[in-house]
Amino acid sequence: MAELDDFDKIEEDDDNPKEVNKKKILLFILPALIAIGLAVGLYHTFESSFNDVKGLPYNVLEQNNEEKKQSLVFYDLPEISATVKSSNGENSIANFKISIELTNIEDVKKIETLLPRFYDIILAHTQNLHAEEISGSEGLYWLKQELLYRINLAAAPIKIENINFKSFDIQKK
């Protein structure tokens, strides 16, 4: 009879509501926490990418003149690196960032489709130059005018008003 009493004691211990099985907690709560974390992370990822104005590659400047409302769009191109020749036979690397000016915001989508052509034009022209030709303010002005002319030819009928250098640096290899 003592054995039966021990058996009843064991059954009573299993039904004790005060004791919580840690494996059951992990089995139910851990996947719920992971799902909540993923949902919050995805929400913040997509919410910020859709509403983040700073992430756009262009800025719009609205100007109200006496006669009409005018807007300028500054479209930023990513940094471009091109190898340029030097007079001593060594190669240098020209790193620069440019932004192009447009007058219509509707032209931004057309410009984005032409970006590979712009990169090709910029690289092909810059790689044929010597570092001495584009160093200094006169060389930079000449490069700016030359690139503006070539990009306008590629972007026709879209009119690109100007090219602005955001940064320009020539480094020796």
Foldseek 3Di string as FASTA:
>chain_A
DVVVVVVVVVVVVVPDPVDDDPVVCCVPVVVVVVVVVVVVVVCVVVVCVVPPPVPAQKDKDWDQDPVGIWIKIWGKDPKDWEWAAEPVGFIKIKIWIKTWIAGDPVCPVVVVVCVVVLNVVLRVVRHDHYPVQLPDPVSVVVSQVVSQVVVCVSSPPGHTDGMDIPDIDIGTD
